[in-house]
Amino acid sequence: MAELRVEGEELVLRLSTLEKVEGMHGDLRAPRFTVRAVEVVGDAYAAVHGLRWPGTGIPGVELVGTFRDSGTKTFAVVHGRPRGVRIVFAEGGDYDEWIVGCEDPEAVIASL
């Protein structure tokens, strides 16, 4: 299961081995100063837009990977949980946002 954490001056999205295979990606890292917003999303599946490339996608069941839509690049890890956390980054990074499904997004945000 994906886990968001702060390691020094970086925000890290740690992926399980299966998520790395599904998303065709390793753990993600971003400098903390590039984080522009962190918010709870009530429906993490609906928050993910665009074409999946690369990754795994079964709408309403599982979305893991990179999604591109109208110049926005999102990395999503959502499976089995309708709620989640959206992290929005400043321009110029690898991703515009990460969307991570979780049971208690408020607790995840508080831990960051």
Protein backbone atom coordinates (compact mmCIF):
# COMPACT_ATOMS: atom_id res chain seq x y z
CA MET A 1 0.00 0.00 0.00
CA ALA A 2 1.29 3.44 -0.96
CA GLU A 3 2.54 5.63 1.85
CA LEU A 4 3.18 9.37 1.92
CA ARG A 5 5.94 10.58 4.22
CA VAL A 6 8.39 13.39 4.75
CA GLU A 7 12.06 12.43 4.58
CA GLY A 8 14.29 15.41 5.31
CA GLU A 9 13.46 18.09 2.77
CA GLU A 10 11.54 15.74 0.47
CA LEU A 11 8.00 14.47 0.23
CA VAL A 12 8.14 10.79 -0.66
CA LEU A 13 5.45 8.52 -2.08
CA ARG A 14 6.55 4.99 -1.23
CA LEU A 15 4.95 2.32 -3.38
CA SER A 16 4.57 -1.37 -2.62
CA THR A 17 6.28 -3.82 -4.96
CA LEU A 18 2.95 -4.58 -6.66
CA GLU A 19 2.21 -0.86 -7.10
CA LYS A 20 5.62 -0.36 -8.68
CA VAL A 21 4.78 -3.06 -11.23
CA GLU A 22 1.23 -1.75 -11.80
CA GLY A 23 2.35 1.85 -12.16
CA MET A 24 5.55 1.03 -14.03
CA HIS A 25 7.30 3.44 -11.69
CA GLY A 26 9.45 3.45 -8.58
CA ASP A 27 8.95 5.52 -5.44
CA LEU A 28 8.34 9.21 -6.15
CA ARG A 29 10.14 12.12 -4.51
CA ALA A 30 9.59 15.85 -4.63
CA PRO A 31 11.24 18.72 -2.76
CA ARG A 32 8.94 19.91 0.04
CA PHE A 33 9.21 23.53 -1.09
CA THR A 34 7.46 22.61 -4.38
CA VAL A 35 4.25 21.56 -2.60
CA ARG A 36 1.59 24.22 -3.27
CA ALA A 37 -1.50 22.55 -1.79
CA VAL A 38 -2.56 19.42 0.08
CA GLU A 39 -6.24 18.56 0.26
CA VAL A 40 -8.71 15.79 1.00
CA VAL A 41 -10.61 14.45 -2.01
CA GLY A 42 -13.94 12.80 -1.32
CA ASP A 43 -13.76 10.59 -4.42
CA ALA A 44 -10.19 9.78 -5.40
CA TYR A 45 -11.29 7.90 -8.53
CA ALA A 46 -13.22 10.92 -9.83
CA ALA A 47 -10.26 13.21 -9.06
CA VAL A 48 -8.05 11.36 -11.57
CA HIS A 49 -8.45 12.64 -15.15
CA GLY A 50 -6.90 11.92 -18.49
CA LEU A 51 -5.30 9.08 -20.33
CA ARG A 52 -3.32 6.53 -18.37
CA TRP A 53 0.18 6.17 -19.71
CA PRO A 54 1.81 4.04 -18.38
CA GLY A 55 0.05 2.17 -15.61
CA THR A 56 -2.95 0.09 -14.63
CA GLY A 57 -6.52 1.29 -14.70
CA ILE A 58 -9.83 -0.32 -13.86
CA PRO A 59 -12.25 2.56 -13.16
CA GLY A 60 -13.81 2.34 -9.71
CA VAL A 61 -11.49 -0.51 -8.74
CA GLU A 62 -7.88 0.51 -9.27
CA LEU A 63 -5.87 3.35 -10.80
CA VAL A 64 -2.09 3.18 -10.52
CA GLY A 65 0.25 5.14 -12.74
CA THR A 66 0.66 8.32 -14.74
CA PHE A 67 -2.39 10.11 -16.15
CA ARG A 68 -2.15 12.99 -18.63
CA ASP A 69 -4.90 15.50 -19.39
CA SER A 70 -4.77 18.97 -20.99
CA GLY A 71 -1.18 19.65 -19.98
CA THR A 72 -1.62 18.18 -16.49
CA LYS A 73 0.45 15.20 -15.41
CA THR A 74 -0.85 13.24 -12.41
CA PHE A 75 0.53 10.22 -10.61
CA ALA A 76 -2.29 8.28 -8.97
CA VAL A 77 -2.39 5.33 -6.59
CA VAL A 78 -6.01 4.55 -5.83
CA HIS A 79 -7.46 1.16 -5.11
CA GLY A 80 -10.34 0.03 -2.98
CA ARG A 81 -10.77 3.38 -1.21
CA PRO A 82 -13.04 6.16 -2.42
CA ARG A 83 -11.33 8.95 -0.42
CA GLY A 84 -7.82 10.24 -0.76
CA VAL A 85 -5.24 13.02 -0.68
CA ARG A 86 -4.33 15.36 -3.53
CA ILE A 87 -0.92 17.03 -3.46
CA VAL A 88 -0.44 19.87 -5.95
CA PHE A 89 3.07 20.90 -6.95
CA ALA A 90 4.58 24.07 -8.39
CA GLU A 91 5.20 24.19 -12.11
CA GLY A 92 8.36 22.66 -13.48
CA GLY A 93 8.41 19.41 -11.50
CA ASP A 94 7.99 15.86 -12.73
CA TYR A 95 4.28 15.86 -11.85
CA ASP A 96 1.62 18.52 -11.40
CA GLU A 97 -0.11 16.46 -8.71
CA TRP A 98 -0.21 13.15 -6.87
CA ILE A 99 -3.51 11.57 -5.89
CA VAL A 100 -3.26 8.84 -3.25
CA GLY A 101 -6.25 6.84 -2.04
CA CYS A 102 -6.38 6.22 1.71
CA GLU A 103 -8.83 5.34 4.46
CA ASP A 104 -8.13 8.41 6.60
CA PRO A 105 -6.87 11.28 4.45
CA GLU A 106 -7.13 13.75 7.33
CA ALA A 107 -4.65 11.68 9.37
CA VAL A 108 -2.31 11.39 6.39
CA ILE A 109 -2.33 15.17 5.90
CA ALA A 110 -1.73 15.74 9.62
CA SER A 111 1.32 13.44 9.47
CA LEU A 112 2.90 15.53 6.74
